Every structure is written in C-alpha cells, then in structure tokens.
C-alpha atoms as a PDB file:
ATOM      1  CA  MET A   1      -8.831 -15.680  -2.072  1.00  0.00           C
ATOM      2  CA  ALA A   2     -11.814 -15.509  -4.450  1.00  0.00           C
ATOM      3  CA  LEU A   3      -9.914 -12.951  -6.713  1.00  0.00           C
ATOM      4  CA  MET A   4      -6.835 -15.219  -6.683  1.00  0.00           C
ATOM      5  CA  PHE A   5      -8.941 -18.214  -7.555  1.00  0.00           C
ATOM      6  CA  ASP A   6     -10.482 -16.444 -10.506  1.00  0.00           C
ATOM      7  CA  ALA A   7      -7.147 -15.189 -11.706  1.00  0.00           C
ATOM      8  CA  VAL A   8      -5.522 -18.621 -11.653  1.00  0.00           C
ATOM      9  CA  LEU A   9      -8.636 -20.162 -13.304  1.00  0.00           C
ATOM     10  CA  MET A  10      -8.615 -17.725 -16.161  1.00  0.00           C
ATOM     11  CA  PHE A  11      -4.817 -18.140 -16.754  1.00  0.00           C
ATOM     12  CA  ALA A  12      -5.312 -21.924 -16.742  1.00  0.00           C
ATOM     13  CA  LEU A  13      -8.095 -21.600 -19.410  1.00  0.00           C
ATOM     14  CA  ALA A  14      -5.973 -19.313 -21.605  1.00  0.00           C
ATOM     15  CA  LEU A  15      -2.953 -21.676 -21.159  1.00  0.00           C
ATOM     16  CA  ASN A  16      -5.040 -24.671 -22.012  1.00  0.00           C
ATOM     17  CA  ALA A  17      -6.518 -22.977 -25.142  1.00  0.00           C
ATOM     18  CA  THR A  18      -2.928 -21.989 -26.310  1.00  0.00           C
ATOM     19  CA  ASN A  19      -1.706 -25.478 -25.760  1.00  0.00           C
ATOM     20  CA  LYS A  20      -4.337 -26.817 -28.092  1.00  0.00           C
ATOM     21  CA  ASN A  21      -2.613 -25.092 -31.060  1.00  0.00           C
ATOM     22  CA  ASN A  22       1.026 -24.982 -29.856  1.00  0.00           C
ATOM     23  CA  ILE A  23       3.232 -27.338 -27.908  1.00  0.00           C
ATOM     24  CA  ILE A  24       4.006 -25.117 -24.932  1.00  0.00           C
ATOM     25  CA  ASP A  25       7.591 -25.594 -23.734  1.00  0.00           C
ATOM     26  CA  VAL A  26       8.250 -24.418 -20.236  1.00  0.00           C
ATOM     27  CA  GLN A  27      11.767 -24.079 -18.971  1.00  0.00           C
ATOM     28  CA  ASN A  28      13.005 -23.590 -15.460  1.00  0.00           C
ATOM     29  CA  ALA A  29      13.577 -19.879 -14.543  1.00  0.00           C
ATOM     30  CA  SER A  30      16.733 -18.818 -12.893  1.00  0.00           C
ATOM     31  CA  CYS A  31      17.571 -15.722 -10.817  1.00  0.00           C
ATOM     32  CA  GLU A  32      21.225 -16.202 -11.457  1.00  0.00           C
ATOM     33  CA  LYS A  33      21.396 -16.705 -15.148  1.00  0.00           C
ATOM     34  CA  ASP A  34      20.518 -14.104 -17.807  1.00  0.00           C
ATOM     35  CA  GLN A  35      17.200 -14.876 -19.487  1.00  0.00           C
ATOM     36  CA  SER A  36      17.097 -14.701 -23.281  1.00  0.00           C
ATOM     37  CA  GLY A  37      13.953 -12.585 -23.182  1.00  0.00           C
ATOM     38  CA  PRO A  38      10.200 -12.805 -22.246  1.00  0.00           C
ATOM     39  CA  TRP A  39       8.511 -16.133 -22.461  1.00  0.00           C
ATOM     40  CA  ILE A  40       7.510 -16.598 -26.157  1.00  0.00           C
ATOM     41  CA  PHE A  41       3.939 -17.681 -25.264  1.00  0.00           C
ATOM     42  CA  GLY A  42       3.419 -14.931 -22.744  1.00  0.00           C
ATOM     43  CA  ASN A  43       2.114 -12.113 -24.921  1.00  0.00           C
ATOM     44  CA  GLY A  44      -0.155 -14.504 -26.791  1.00  0.00           C
ATOM     45  CA  ILE A  45      -1.732 -15.743 -23.543  1.00  0.00           C
ATOM     46  CA  ILE A  46      -2.247 -12.117 -22.369  1.00  0.00           C
ATOM     47  CA  GLN A  47      -3.858 -11.101 -25.591  1.00  0.00           C
ATOM     48  CA  LEU A  48      -6.214 -14.153 -25.438  1.00  0.00           C
ATOM     49  CA  MET A  49      -7.188 -13.448 -21.814  1.00  0.00           C
ATOM     50  CA  LYS A  50      -8.236  -9.887 -22.898  1.00  0.00           C
ATOM     51  CA  THR A  51     -10.808 -11.391 -25.207  1.00  0.00           C
ATOM     52  CA  MET A  52     -12.238 -14.036 -22.741  1.00  0.00           C
ATOM     53  CA  GLU A  53     -15.236 -13.706 -20.517  1.00  0.00           C
ATOM     54  CA  MET A  54     -16.229 -15.935 -17.599  1.00  0.00           C
ATOM     55  CA  GLU A  55     -18.347 -16.117 -14.548  1.00  0.00           C
ATOM     56  CA  GLY A  56     -16.186 -16.565 -11.635  1.00  0.00           C
ATOM     57  CA  LEU A  57     -16.517 -16.471  -7.788  1.00  0.00           C
ATOM     58  CA  THR A  58     -16.243 -12.614  -8.027  1.00  0.00           C
ATOM     59  CA  GLY A  59     -18.925 -12.346 -10.794  1.00  0.00           C
ATOM     60  CA  LYS A  60     -18.594 -11.708 -14.485  1.00  0.00           C
ATOM     61  CA  ILE A  61     -15.102 -11.218 -15.615  1.00  0.00           C
ATOM     62  CA  THR A  62     -14.264  -9.087 -18.772  1.00  0.00           C
ATOM     63  CA  PHE A  63     -11.226  -7.014 -19.563  1.00  0.00           C
ATOM     64  CA  ASP A  64     -10.520  -3.755 -21.379  1.00  0.00           C
ATOM     65  CA  LYS A  65      -8.956  -5.100 -24.618  1.00  0.00           C
ATOM     66  CA  THR A  66      -6.456  -2.151 -24.764  1.00  0.00           C
ATOM     67  CA  GLU A  67      -5.046  -1.947 -21.273  1.00  0.00           C
ATOM     68  CA  GLY A  68      -6.132  -5.287 -20.058  1.00  0.00           C
ATOM     69  CA  PHE A  69      -7.838  -4.051 -16.853  1.00  0.00           C
ATOM     70  CA  ARG A  70     -10.918  -5.722 -15.582  1.00  0.00           C
ATOM     71  CA  LYS A  71     -14.024  -3.695 -16.070  1.00  0.00           C
ATOM     72  CA  GLU A  72     -17.672  -3.490 -14.865  1.00  0.00           C
ATOM     73  CA  PHE A  73     -17.512  -5.505 -11.747  1.00  0.00           C
ATOM     74  CA  ASN A  74     -18.459  -5.183  -8.047  1.00  0.00           C
ATOM     75  CA  LEU A  75     -16.964  -6.920  -5.077  1.00  0.00           C
ATOM     76  CA  ASP A  76     -19.059  -7.746  -1.986  1.00  0.00           C
ATOM     77  CA  ILE A  77     -17.237  -7.184   1.315  1.00  0.00           C
ATOM     78  CA  LEU A  78     -17.970  -9.959   3.649  1.00  0.00           C
ATOM     79  CA  THR A  79     -17.260 -10.540   7.310  1.00  0.00           C
ATOM     80  CA  LEU A  80     -17.649 -13.683   9.511  1.00  0.00           C
ATOM     81  CA  ARG A  81     -20.368 -13.284  12.152  1.00  0.00           C
ATOM     82  CA  VAL A  82     -22.484 -15.416  14.303  1.00  0.00           C
ATOM     83  CA  GLY A  83     -24.692 -16.657  11.497  1.00  0.00           C
ATOM     84  CA  GLY A  84     -21.762 -17.192   9.083  1.00  0.00           C
ATOM     85  CA  LEU A  85     -20.474 -14.890   6.305  1.00  0.00           C
ATOM     86  CA  GLN A  86     -22.494 -11.609   6.041  1.00  0.00           C
ATOM     87  CA  LYS A  87     -22.217  -8.792   3.547  1.00  0.00           C
ATOM     88  CA  ILE A  88     -21.249  -5.555   5.165  1.00  0.00           C
ATOM     89  CA  GLY A  89     -20.329  -3.430   2.083  1.00  0.00           C
ATOM     90  CA  LEU A  90     -19.507  -3.055  -1.656  1.00  0.00           C
ATOM     91  CA  TRP A  91     -16.521  -2.120  -3.744  1.00  0.00           C
ATOM     92  CA  ASN A  92     -16.490  -1.053  -7.319  1.00  0.00           C
ATOM     93  CA  LEU A  93     -14.146   0.751  -9.700  1.00  0.00           C
ATOM     94  CA  SER A  94     -16.134   4.026  -9.813  1.00  0.00           C
ATOM     95  CA  SER A  95     -16.932   4.607  -6.167  1.00  0.00           C
ATOM     96  CA  GLY A  96     -14.485   2.515  -4.314  1.00  0.00           C
ATOM     97  CA  VAL A  97     -15.424   1.161  -0.865  1.00  0.00           C
ATOM     98  CA  ASP A  98     -18.888   1.633   0.481  1.00  0.00           C
ATOM     99  CA  ILE A  99     -19.366   0.063   3.987  1.00  0.00           C
ATOM    100  CA  THR A 100     -23.026  -0.392   4.746  1.00  0.00           C
ATOM    101  CA  SER A 101     -22.665  -1.973   8.147  1.00  0.00           C
ATOM    102  CA  THR A 102     -22.310   0.309  11.128  1.00  0.00           C
ATOM    103  CA  TYR A 103     -20.079  -0.009  14.199  1.00  0.00           C
ATOM    104  CA  ASP A 104     -23.154  -0.632  16.302  1.00  0.00           C
ATOM    105  CA  ASP A 105     -24.012  -3.658  14.093  1.00  0.00           C
ATOM    106  CA  VAL A 106     -20.576  -5.097  14.771  1.00  0.00           C
ATOM    107  CA  VAL A 107     -20.832  -4.448  18.543  1.00  0.00           C
ATOM    108  CA  VAL A 108     -24.314  -6.030  18.761  1.00  0.00           C
ATOM    109  CA  ASP A 109     -23.292  -9.012  16.801  1.00  0.00           C
ATOM    110  CA  ALA A 110     -20.103  -9.539  18.808  1.00  0.00           C
ATOM    111  CA  GLY A 111     -22.117  -9.247  22.035  1.00  0.00           C
ATOM    112  CA  GLU A 112     -24.560 -11.902  20.906  1.00  0.00           C
ATOM    113  CA  TYR A 113     -21.666 -14.210  20.010  1.00  0.00           C
ATOM    114  CA  PHE A 114     -20.042 -13.758  23.418  1.00  0.00           C
ATOM    115  CA  LYS A 115     -23.294 -14.485  25.241  1.00  0.00           C
ATOM    116  CA  LYS A 116     -23.690 -17.847  23.464  1.00  0.00           C
ATOM    117  CA  ASN A 117     -20.026 -18.964  23.324  1.00  0.00           C
ATOM    118  CA  LYS A 118     -17.221 -19.469  25.851  1.00  0.00           C
ATOM    119  CA  LEU A 119     -13.870 -18.484  24.461  1.00  0.00           C
ATOM    120  CA  ARG A 120     -11.110 -20.984  24.918  1.00  0.00           C
ATOM    121  CA  VAL A 121      -7.615 -19.700  25.879  1.00  0.00           C
ATOM    122  CA  THR A 122      -4.869 -22.278  25.059  1.00  0.00           C
ATOM    123  CA  THR A 123      -1.689 -21.797  27.029  1.00  0.00           C
ATOM    124  CA  LYS A 124       0.943 -23.494  29.201  1.00  0.00           C
ATOM    125  CA  LEU A 125       1.961 -23.109  32.824  1.00  0.00           C
ATOM    126  CA  SER A 126       4.680 -20.431  33.094  1.00  0.00           C
ATOM    127  CA  GLU A 127       5.484 -18.303  36.093  1.00  0.00           C
ATOM    128  CA  PRO A 128       4.539 -15.515  36.693  1.00  0.00           C
ATOM    129  CA  TYR A 129       2.071 -15.556  33.809  1.00  0.00           C
ATOM    130  CA  VAL A 130      -0.031 -18.671  34.248  1.00  0.00           C
ATOM    131  CA  MET A 131       0.313 -20.732  37.486  1.00  0.00           C
ATOM    132  CA  LEU A 132      -1.767 -23.393  39.183  1.00  0.00           C
ATOM    133  CA  LYS A 133      -3.209 -22.214  42.536  1.00  0.00           C
ATOM    134  CA  ALA A 134      -2.009 -24.125  45.678  1.00  0.00           C
ATOM    135  CA  ASN A 135      -5.653 -24.895  46.484  1.00  0.00           C
ATOM    136  CA  ALA A 136      -6.646 -25.409  42.797  1.00  0.00           C
ATOM    137  CA  GLU A 137      -8.849 -28.428  43.575  1.00  0.00           C
ATOM    138  CA  GLN A 138     -11.292 -26.108  45.300  1.00  0.00           C
ATOM    139  CA  TYR A 139     -11.946 -24.150  42.065  1.00  0.00           C
ATOM    140  CA  SER A 140     -13.203 -24.928  38.629  1.00  0.00           C
ATOM    141  CA  ASP A 141     -12.522 -23.604  35.206  1.00  0.00           C
ATOM    142  CA  TYR A 142     -10.094 -20.710  34.915  1.00  0.00           C
ATOM    143  CA  LYS A 143     -10.401 -19.955  38.623  1.00  0.00           C
ATOM    144  CA  LYS A 144      -7.948 -22.707  39.250  1.00  0.00           C
ATOM    145  CA  TYR A 145      -5.183 -20.580  37.812  1.00  0.00           C
ATOM    146  CA  GLU A 146      -3.466 -17.328  38.814  1.00  0.00           C
ATOM    147  CA  GLY A 147      -0.815 -15.011  37.377  1.00  0.00           C
ATOM    148  CA  TYR A 148      -0.408 -11.913  35.215  1.00  0.00           C
ATOM    149  CA  CYS A 149      -2.046 -13.391  32.038  1.00  0.00           C
ATOM    150  CA  VAL A 150      -4.905 -14.769  34.091  1.00  0.00           C
ATOM    151  CA  ASP A 151      -5.620 -11.394  35.683  1.00  0.00           C
ATOM    152  CA  LEU A 152      -5.431  -9.536  32.418  1.00  0.00           C
ATOM    153  CA  MET A 153      -7.761 -12.062  30.635  1.00  0.00           C
ATOM    154  CA  GLU A 154     -10.261 -11.831  33.491  1.00  0.00           C
ATOM    155  CA  ALA A 155     -10.208  -7.990  33.364  1.00  0.00           C
ATOM    156  CA  ILE A 156     -10.840  -7.972  29.557  1.00  0.00           C
ATOM    157  CA  ALA A 157     -13.694 -10.575  29.966  1.00  0.00           C
ATOM    158  CA  ASN A 158     -15.283  -8.416  32.672  1.00  0.00           C
ATOM    159  CA  TYR A 159     -15.019  -5.295  30.539  1.00  0.00           C
ATOM    160  CA  CYS A 160     -16.251  -6.884  27.371  1.00  0.00           C
ATOM    161  CA  ASN A 161     -18.854  -9.150  28.968  1.00  0.00           C
ATOM    162  CA  PHE A 162     -17.801 -12.575  27.859  1.00  0.00           C
ATOM    163  CA  ASN A 163     -16.853 -15.870  29.398  1.00  0.00           C
ATOM    164  CA  PHE A 164     -13.647 -17.867  28.799  1.00  0.00           C
ATOM    165  CA  THR A 165     -11.946 -21.084  29.867  1.00  0.00           C
ATOM    166  CA  ILE A 166      -8.258 -21.856  30.087  1.00  0.00           C
ATOM    167  CA  GLN A 167      -6.971 -25.065  28.481  1.00  0.00           C
ATOM    168  CA  LEU A 168      -3.468 -26.255  29.029  1.00  0.00           C
ATOM    169  CA  VAL A 169      -1.567 -27.952  26.241  1.00  0.00           C
ATOM    170  CA  LYS A 170      -0.780 -31.511  27.091  1.00  0.00           C
ATOM    171  CA  ASP A 171       2.888 -31.203  26.385  1.00  0.00           C
ATOM    172  CA  ASN A 172       3.352 -27.896  28.368  1.00  0.00           C
ATOM    173  CA  SER A 173       5.169 -26.295  25.408  1.00  0.00           C
ATOM    174  CA  TYR A 174       4.667 -23.023  23.548  1.00  0.00           C
ATOM    175  CA  GLY A 175       5.700 -24.765  20.384  1.00  0.00           C
ATOM    176  CA  ILE A 176       8.760 -26.479  18.864  1.00  0.00           C
ATOM    177  CA  LEU A 177       9.197 -27.473  15.235  1.00  0.00           C
ATOM    178  CA  ASP A 178      10.172 -31.032  14.619  1.00  0.00           C
ATOM    179  CA  LYS A 179      12.434 -30.682  11.571  1.00  0.00           C
ATOM    180  CA  ALA A 180      12.208 -34.252  10.658  1.00  0.00           C
ATOM    181  CA  THR A 181       8.365 -34.293  10.336  1.00  0.00           C
ATOM    182  CA  GLY A 182       7.683 -30.559   9.809  1.00  0.00           C
ATOM    183  CA  GLU A 183       5.144 -30.655  12.588  1.00  0.00           C
ATOM    184  CA  TRP A 184       4.774 -28.255  15.511  1.00  0.00           C
ATOM    185  CA  ASP A 185       3.784 -29.136  19.087  1.00  0.00           C
ATOM    186  CA  GLY A 186       2.459 -27.195  21.912  1.00  0.00           C
ATOM    187  CA  VAL A 187       0.298 -23.992  21.604  1.00  0.00           C
ATOM    188  CA  ILE A 188       1.354 -23.437  17.977  1.00  0.00           C
ATOM    189  CA  LYS A 189      -0.008 -26.805  17.035  1.00  0.00           C
ATOM    190  CA  GLU A 190      -3.348 -25.875  18.623  1.00  0.00           C
ATOM    191  CA  LEU A 191      -3.482 -22.662  16.544  1.00  0.00           C
ATOM    192  CA  ILE A 192      -2.544 -24.474  13.316  1.00  0.00           C
ATOM    193  CA  GLU A 193      -5.384 -27.056  13.868  1.00  0.00           C
ATOM    194  CA  GLN A 194      -7.781 -23.981  14.315  1.00  0.00           C
ATOM    195  CA  VAL A 195      -6.584 -22.455  11.066  1.00  0.00           C
ATOM    196  CA  LYS A 196      -7.255 -25.837   9.347  1.00  0.00           C
ATOM    197  CA  LEU A 197     -10.771 -25.752  10.591  1.00  0.00           C
ATOM    198  CA  ALA A 198     -11.189 -22.310   9.224  1.00  0.00           C
ATOM    199  CA  GLU A 199      -9.892 -23.430   5.844  1.00  0.00           C
ATOM    200  CA  LYS A 200     -12.406 -26.249   5.704  1.00  0.00           C
ATOM    201  CA  SER A 201     -15.186 -23.747   6.322  1.00  0.00           C
ATOM    202  CA  LEU A 202     -13.961 -21.663   3.458  1.00  0.00           C
ATOM    203  CA  ALA A 203     -13.734 -24.743   1.222  1.00  0.00           C
ATOM    204  CA  ARG A 204     -17.368 -25.496   1.962  1.00  0.00           C
ATOM    205  CA  MET A 205     -18.349 -21.991   0.927  1.00  0.00           C
ATOM    206  CA  LEU A 206     -16.391 -22.326  -2.332  1.00  0.00           C
ATOM    207  CA  ARG A 207     -18.120 -25.699  -3.100  1.00  0.00           C
ATOM    208  CA  LYS A 208     -21.370 -23.929  -3.144  1.00  0.00           C
ATOM    209  CA  LYS A 209     -20.007 -22.102  -6.181  1.00  0.00           C
ATOM    210  CA  LYS A 210     -19.341 -25.514  -7.921  1.00  0.00           C
ATOM    211  CA  SER A 211     -21.406 -24.548 -10.941  1.00  0.00           C
ATOM    212  CA  PHE A 212     -18.497 -22.229 -11.994  1.00  0.00           C
ATOM    213  CA  LEU A 213     -15.825 -24.839 -11.569  1.00  0.00           C
ATOM    214  CA  PRO A 214     -14.190 -27.041 -14.255  1.00  0.00           C
ATOM    215  CA  GLY A 215     -16.199 -30.233 -14.885  1.00  0.00           C
ATOM    216  CA  SER A 216     -19.632 -28.590 -14.471  1.00  0.00           C
ATOM    217  CA  GLY A 217     -21.864 -28.422 -17.567  1.00  0.00           C
ATOM    218  CA  ARG A 218     -22.708 -24.770 -16.906  1.00  0.00           C
ATOM    219  CA  TRP A 219     -19.012 -23.859 -16.653  1.00  0.00           C
ATOM    220  CA  ASN A 220     -18.018 -25.781 -19.839  1.00  0.00           C
ATOM    221  CA  ARG A 221     -20.832 -24.354 -21.970  1.00  0.00           C
ATOM    222  CA  ARG A 222     -19.988 -20.836 -20.898  1.00  0.00           C
ATOM    223  CA  PHE A 223     -16.261 -21.145 -21.849  1.00  0.00           C
ATOM    224  CA  ASP A 224     -16.649 -23.099 -25.033  1.00  0.00           C
ATOM    225  CA  HIS A 225     -18.672 -20.205 -26.341  1.00  0.00           C
ATOM    226  CA  HIS A 226     -15.824 -17.664 -25.760  1.00  0.00           C
ATOM    227  CA  ILE A 227     -12.619 -19.530 -26.426  1.00  0.00           C
END
C-alpha cells in the first residue's frame, strides 16, 4: 500500500505541475472505440516524473532518467505482531529479499499472543457442523456447542495451545447481500467489520508519516525545490 501511495502521489504532483502550464483535457477512454493515439500529455508527465525527487512513505524516490526505473532505495519488510508492526527483513535492488527474523521468532511471538488473547470464532448453527447441546445450560463458552467444526477447532486449539470462544451471529446467516443497500449480513458482515478495523489501524500508521503529505510545510518545501 505504501508503494501505491507514493506512486499515486508522485503522479499527482507531476500532473499538477503540467497543469500549471497547460490546460489538460481528459477524455473518457473506451474499450470499444479505436483511440486516436496515446494521451498527448502522457509522455511529458513521464519525462517530468523522471526528473522529480521526493521523500515518500517508502523513503527517497528518484528515477533513472533514461529507463525511468526507481533507483537507490530499500524497503523494510514488516509484519504485524503482538506489539504492533515490526521489521523482519529488508529488500533492495542489488540483493533482493533478506529476512532477518527467524521461524523461532515467529513461533515465540505467536505463542505469546495466544497466551494473552482468546480467539473469537464467528459462525452460525448448522448441522452437523455447529449445534447447540441438549444440556447446553450446564456449560459455558464453546463447551455449549458440538459438531464437526467444534471438534476440529478444539483439536487445533489443544495442539497450538490457545483458547477460543464461539460467537453466533444474531441473524443465524452465513451472509446474504442486500442489493438495495449493498450491505451484507451474517458472518460476512462480521468479517467486513473486522477488515474495517484493520484499515483504521493502517490509517493511523500512515498519519504518523504526515510530514510527507500534501499540506505540511516540510512536504511543500521539498517539492517546490524540485518542480
């Protein structure tokens, strides 16, 4: 995502700089009609981008002025662990991927996470996979349920040494799309909500890089010098 952000940002800067000297006319593209040729401003924007430099989320961005390839940059390889995002390796043009984290590091980290957290399994009642026991009131948590998926989950939890709980969706549905609203219900809705939480976490991380975003004095000074 950081690479995509930097690419779009640099294109926007080049487009804005080109628009200061030319009135850019953008026409709708069509896959059915023959195009008259490449976009008349395209080559100019590409040539301008080759001369630009910027500090993006992925570090300093410069290009080879002949081929247009990015040069002299490293990428940190991150993973999400208990304490947040952690660097586990490095990538660069000369040596490729270099993973510094070991398999034991991952196992230990995962073990610590499972000790401190209880995994939540969201599902619905469906024979023979997840069923409510006849005497369910005598049990608590996932012990109230039985079935193939419950047995499988319990075996995995015992093998990997973690705890879990089963949460039934209120509408007892795997997920149906409401075409009128574009909203899902059931288990799929629960998953979508969790993805949104992950997106918010990523957005918070990106905001920490706000000194490189449009509107900050540091960002404007850097680009005014090169464009």
